[in-house]
C-alpha atoms as a PDB file:
ATOM      1  CA  UNK A   1      95.912 -35.609 -48.948  1.00  0.00           C
ATOM      2  CA  UNK A   2      94.061 -38.489 -47.234  1.00  0.00           C
ATOM      3  CA  UNK A   3      97.291 -39.548 -45.508  1.00  0.00           C
ATOM      4  CA  UNK A   4      97.803 -36.038 -44.136  1.00  0.00           C
ATOM      5  CA  UNK A   5      94.252 -35.874 -42.783  1.00  0.00           C
ATOM      6  CA  UNK A   6      94.542 -39.323 -41.214  1.00  0.00           C
ATOM      7  CA  UNK A   7      97.934 -38.446 -39.703  1.00  0.00           C
ATOM      8  CA  UNK A   8      96.581 -35.206 -38.204  1.00  0.00           C
ATOM      9  CA  UNK A   9      93.537 -37.043 -36.816  1.00  0.00           C
ATOM     10  CA  UNK A  10      95.673 -39.779 -35.224  1.00  0.00           C
ATOM     11  CA  UNK A  11      98.042 -37.197 -33.739  1.00  0.00           C
ATOM     12  CA  UNK A  12      95.151 -35.243 -32.211  1.00  0.00           C
ATOM     13  CA  UNK A  13      93.526 -38.404 -30.855  1.00  0.00           C
ATOM     14  CA  UNK A  14      96.778 -39.614 -29.301  1.00  0.00           C
ATOM     15  CA  UNK A  15      97.397 -36.176 -27.748  1.00  0.00           C
ATOM     16  CA  UNK A  16      93.972 -36.279 -26.110  1.00  0.00           C
ATOM     17  CA  UNK A  17      94.620 -39.795 -24.800  1.00  0.00           C
ATOM     18  CA  UNK A  18      98.007 -38.781 -23.383  1.00  0.00           C
ATOM     19  CA  UNK A  19      96.458 -35.770 -21.658  1.00  0.00           C
ATOM     20  CA  UNK A  20      93.775 -38.013 -20.129  1.00  0.00           C
ATOM     21  CA  UNK A  21      96.444 -40.453 -18.892  1.00  0.00           C
ATOM     22  CA  UNK A  22      98.266 -37.648 -17.078  1.00  0.00           C
ATOM     23  CA  UNK A  23      95.310 -36.667 -14.927  1.00  0.00           C
ATOM     24  CA  UNK A  24      96.162 -37.046 -11.234  1.00  0.00           C
ATOM     25  CA  UNK A  25      94.215 -39.459  -9.082  1.00  0.00           C
ATOM     26  CA  UNK A  26      91.263 -38.167  -7.089  1.00  0.00           C
ATOM     27  CA  UNK A  27      90.639 -39.394  -3.531  1.00  0.00           C
ATOM     28  CA  UNK A  28      86.924 -39.346  -2.639  1.00  0.00           C
ATOM     29  CA  UNK A  29      85.516 -39.633   0.873  1.00  0.00           C
ATOM     30  CA  UNK A  30      81.808 -40.476   1.017  1.00  0.00           C
ATOM     31  CA  UNK A  31      79.100 -42.250   2.942  1.00  0.00           C
ATOM     32  CA  UNK A  32      78.827 -45.946   2.024  1.00  0.00           C
ATOM     33  CA  UNK A  33      75.098 -45.561   1.322  1.00  0.00           C
ATOM     34  CA  UNK A  34      75.146 -42.510  -0.960  1.00  0.00           C
ATOM     35  CA  UNK A  35      74.066 -43.400  -4.501  1.00  0.00           C
ATOM     36  CA  UNK A  36      74.608 -39.950  -6.000  1.00  0.00           C
ATOM     37  CA  UNK A  37      78.222 -39.993  -4.809  1.00  0.00           C
ATOM     38  CA  UNK A  38      78.783 -43.263  -6.668  1.00  0.00           C
ATOM     39  CA  UNK A  39      77.284 -41.704  -9.815  1.00  0.00           C
ATOM     40  CA  UNK A  40      79.646 -38.693  -9.452  1.00  0.00           C
ATOM     41  CA  UNK A  41      82.610 -41.073  -9.152  1.00  0.00           C
ATOM     42  CA  UNK A  42      81.485 -42.775 -12.384  1.00  0.00           C
ATOM     43  CA  UNK A  43      81.294 -39.325 -14.049  1.00  0.00           C
ATOM     44  CA  UNK A  44      84.917 -38.685 -13.026  1.00  0.00           C
ATOM     45  CA  UNK A  45      86.067 -42.089 -14.277  1.00  0.00           C
ATOM     46  CA  UNK A  46      84.226 -41.599 -17.580  1.00  0.00           C
ATOM     47  CA  UNK A  47      86.107 -38.271 -17.873  1.00  0.00           C
ATOM     48  CA  UNK A  48      89.513 -39.956 -17.555  1.00  0.00           C
ATOM     49  CA  UNK A  49      90.263 -39.647 -13.852  1.00  0.00           C
ATOM     50  CA  UNK A  50      91.540 -42.476 -11.700  1.00  0.00           C
ATOM     51  CA  UNK A  51      89.397 -42.405  -8.558  1.00  0.00           C
ATOM     52  CA  UNK A  52      90.148 -43.893  -5.154  1.00  0.00           C
ATOM     53  CA  UNK A  53      86.971 -44.117  -3.066  1.00  0.00           C
ATOM     54  CA  UNK A  54      86.930 -44.468   0.693  1.00  0.00           C
ATOM     55  CA  UNK A  55      83.610 -45.014   2.414  1.00  0.00           C
ATOM     56  CA  UNK A  56      83.687 -43.293   5.800  1.00  0.00           C
ATOM     57  CA  UNK A  57      81.299 -42.919   8.720  1.00  0.00           C
ATOM     58  CA  UNK A  58      81.976 -39.209   9.201  1.00  0.00           C
ATOM     59  CA  UNK A  59      82.599 -37.093   6.090  1.00  0.00           C
ATOM     60  CA  UNK A  60      82.756 -33.984   8.309  1.00  0.00           C
ATOM     61  CA  UNK A  61      86.346 -34.833   9.264  1.00  0.00           C
ATOM     62  CA  UNK A  62      87.378 -34.432   5.620  1.00  0.00           C
ATOM     63  CA  UNK A  63      85.389 -31.221   5.212  1.00  0.00           C
ATOM     64  CA  UNK A  64      87.425 -29.760   8.100  1.00  0.00           C
ATOM     65  CA  UNK A  65      90.641 -30.946   6.440  1.00  0.00           C
ATOM     66  CA  UNK A  66      89.472 -29.182   3.269  1.00  0.00           C
ATOM     67  CA  UNK A  67      88.895 -25.913   5.234  1.00  0.00           C
ATOM     68  CA  UNK A  68      85.440 -25.913   3.671  1.00  0.00           C
ATOM     69  CA  UNK A  69      83.175 -22.996   4.575  1.00  0.00           C
ATOM     70  CA  UNK A  70      79.970 -24.435   6.042  1.00  0.00           C
ATOM     71  CA  UNK A  71      77.777 -22.777   3.391  1.00  0.00           C
ATOM     72  CA  UNK A  72      79.549 -24.712   0.599  1.00  0.00           C
ATOM     73  CA  UNK A  73      78.878 -28.197   1.975  1.00  0.00           C
ATOM     74  CA  UNK A  74      77.535 -31.145   0.028  1.00  0.00           C
ATOM     75  CA  UNK A  75      77.506 -34.915   0.387  1.00  0.00           C
ATOM     76  CA  UNK A  76      81.106 -35.919  -0.403  1.00  0.00           C
ATOM     77  CA  UNK A  77      84.596 -34.447  -0.226  1.00  0.00           C
ATOM     78  CA  UNK A  78      87.529 -35.224  -2.489  1.00  0.00           C
ATOM     79  CA  UNK A  79      91.152 -34.215  -2.876  1.00  0.00           C
ATOM     80  CA  UNK A  80      93.207 -33.935  -6.064  1.00  0.00           C
ATOM     81  CA  UNK A  81      96.677 -32.507  -6.593  1.00  0.00           C
ATOM     82  CA  UNK A  82      96.544 -30.386  -3.417  1.00  0.00           C
ATOM     83  CA  UNK A  83      93.014 -29.071  -4.023  1.00  0.00           C
ATOM     84  CA  UNK A  84      89.786 -29.954  -2.236  1.00  0.00           C
ATOM     85  CA  UNK A  85      86.667 -30.756  -4.268  1.00  0.00           C
ATOM     86  CA  UNK A  86      83.276 -30.603  -2.535  1.00  0.00           C
ATOM     87  CA  UNK A  87      80.091 -32.001  -3.970  1.00  0.00           C
ATOM     88  CA  UNK A  88      79.010 -32.536  -7.553  1.00  0.00           C
ATOM     89  CA  UNK A  89      81.718 -30.517  -9.301  1.00  0.00           C
ATOM     90  CA  UNK A  90      81.835 -31.323 -13.039  1.00  0.00           C
ATOM     91  CA  UNK A  91      85.000 -33.057 -14.258  1.00  0.00           C
ATOM     92  CA  UNK A  92      85.480 -30.247 -16.792  1.00  0.00           C
ATOM     93  CA  UNK A  93      85.786 -27.743 -13.917  1.00  0.00           C
ATOM     94  CA  UNK A  94      88.317 -29.972 -12.146  1.00  0.00           C
ATOM     95  CA  UNK A  95      90.359 -30.264 -15.356  1.00  0.00           C
ATOM     96  CA  UNK A  96      90.291 -26.473 -15.730  1.00  0.00           C
ATOM     97  CA  UNK A  97      91.398 -26.123 -12.088  1.00  0.00           C
ATOM     98  CA  UNK A  98      94.322 -28.479 -12.680  1.00  0.00           C
ATOM     99  CA  UNK A  99      95.330 -26.617 -15.844  1.00  0.00           C
ATOM    100  CA  UNK A 100      95.056 -23.074 -14.455  1.00  0.00           C
ATOM    101  CA  UNK A 101      96.291 -23.903 -10.910  1.00  0.00           C
ATOM    102  CA  UNK A 102      94.755 -20.844  -9.201  1.00  0.00           C
ATOM    103  CA  UNK A 103      95.814 -19.910  -5.669  1.00  0.00           C
ATOM    104  CA  UNK A 104      92.708 -21.341  -3.950  1.00  0.00           C
ATOM    105  CA  UNK A 105      91.963 -24.190  -1.561  1.00  0.00           C
ATOM    106  CA  UNK A 106      89.335 -25.820  -3.716  1.00  0.00           C
ATOM    107  CA  UNK A 107      86.062 -25.970  -5.613  1.00  0.00           C
ATOM    108  CA  UNK A 108      82.555 -26.686  -4.400  1.00  0.00           C
ATOM    109  CA  UNK A 109      79.080 -27.190  -5.768  1.00  0.00           C
ATOM    110  CA  UNK A 110      76.986 -26.489  -2.658  1.00  0.00           C
ATOM    111  CA  UNK A 111      74.007 -28.698  -1.959  1.00  0.00           C
ATOM    112  CA  UNK A 112      72.957 -31.239  -4.540  1.00  0.00           C
ATOM    113  CA  UNK A 113      71.581 -29.386  -7.592  1.00  0.00           C
ATOM    114  CA  UNK A 114      69.432 -31.444  -9.961  1.00  0.00           C
ATOM    115  CA  UNK A 115      71.228 -32.095 -13.217  1.00  0.00           C
ATOM    116  CA  UNK A 116      74.751 -31.717 -11.818  1.00  0.00           C
ATOM    117  CA  UNK A 117      77.053 -34.751 -12.337  1.00  0.00           C
ATOM    118  CA  UNK A 118      75.663 -37.583 -10.244  1.00  0.00           C
ATOM    119  CA  UNK A 119      72.338 -35.829  -9.755  1.00  0.00           C
ATOM    120  CA  UNK A 120      70.792 -36.619 -13.140  1.00  0.00           C
ATOM    121  CA  UNK A 121      67.317 -37.771 -12.184  1.00  0.00           C
ATOM    122  CA  UNK A 122      64.577 -37.230 -14.736  1.00  0.00           C
ATOM    123  CA  UNK A 123      64.574 -34.209 -17.012  1.00  0.00           C
ATOM    124  CA  UNK A 124      65.031 -31.551 -14.318  1.00  0.00           C
ATOM    125  CA  UNK A 125      68.244 -29.560 -14.585  1.00  0.00           C
ATOM    126  CA  UNK A 126      68.733 -26.637 -12.226  1.00  0.00           C
ATOM    127  CA  UNK A 127      71.162 -23.819 -12.942  1.00  0.00           C
ATOM    128  CA  UNK A 128      74.074 -23.986 -10.503  1.00  0.00           C
ATOM    129  CA  UNK A 129      77.545 -22.590  -9.921  1.00  0.00           C
ATOM    130  CA  UNK A 130      80.899 -24.079  -9.094  1.00  0.00           C
ATOM    131  CA  UNK A 131      82.417 -21.927  -6.356  1.00  0.00           C
ATOM    132  CA  UNK A 132      86.129 -21.485  -5.664  1.00  0.00           C
ATOM    133  CA  UNK A 133      87.239 -20.804  -2.104  1.00  0.00           C
ATOM    134  CA  UNK A 134      90.406 -20.004  -0.185  1.00  0.00           C
ATOM    135  CA  UNK A 135      91.539 -21.201   3.234  1.00  0.00           C
ATOM    136  CA  UNK A 136      90.633 -17.727   4.503  1.00  0.00           C
ATOM    137  CA  UNK A 137      87.036 -18.297   3.368  1.00  0.00           C
ATOM    138  CA  UNK A 138      87.010 -15.992   0.338  1.00  0.00           C
ATOM    139  CA  UNK A 139      84.624 -17.280  -2.330  1.00  0.00           C
ATOM    140  CA  UNK A 140      84.122 -16.566  -6.031  1.00  0.00           C
ATOM    141  CA  UNK A 141      82.210 -18.052  -8.928  1.00  0.00           C
ATOM    142  CA  UNK A 142      84.498 -20.400 -10.838  1.00  0.00           C
ATOM    143  CA  UNK A 143      81.905 -21.568 -13.395  1.00  0.00           C
ATOM    144  CA  UNK A 144      78.180 -21.323 -14.072  1.00  0.00           C
ATOM    145  CA  UNK A 145      76.188 -24.253 -15.402  1.00  0.00           C
END
């Protein structure tokens, strides 16, 4: 019985590791002086993503490329597997996006809510939403945190 339990555990652990290895790379465009962006990148790496960071002088260029509605803006813009990711979107939401593959342009966490990934300062944790959006500007709640 012990061998069966150990075998099942090892199989499950290896399946999780293989799934993590198959995550596509994320390309992040951020200001070179933004500390919260660096913390968000670390959150992604800790969640199994390979992250390519490019420090840029004007993040607005990438927000236009992402077709980001102005009201959804934050401090950094990223791209993964054809989707745009704006702001402090949790890695779990990005993984769900990549699994479900909805017909949207991307996800955004507008502003910089306290307690979101990369914005963990002190004990404050604001409720916030991850918003999905289309190129046409349609928005919907993707997740609530």
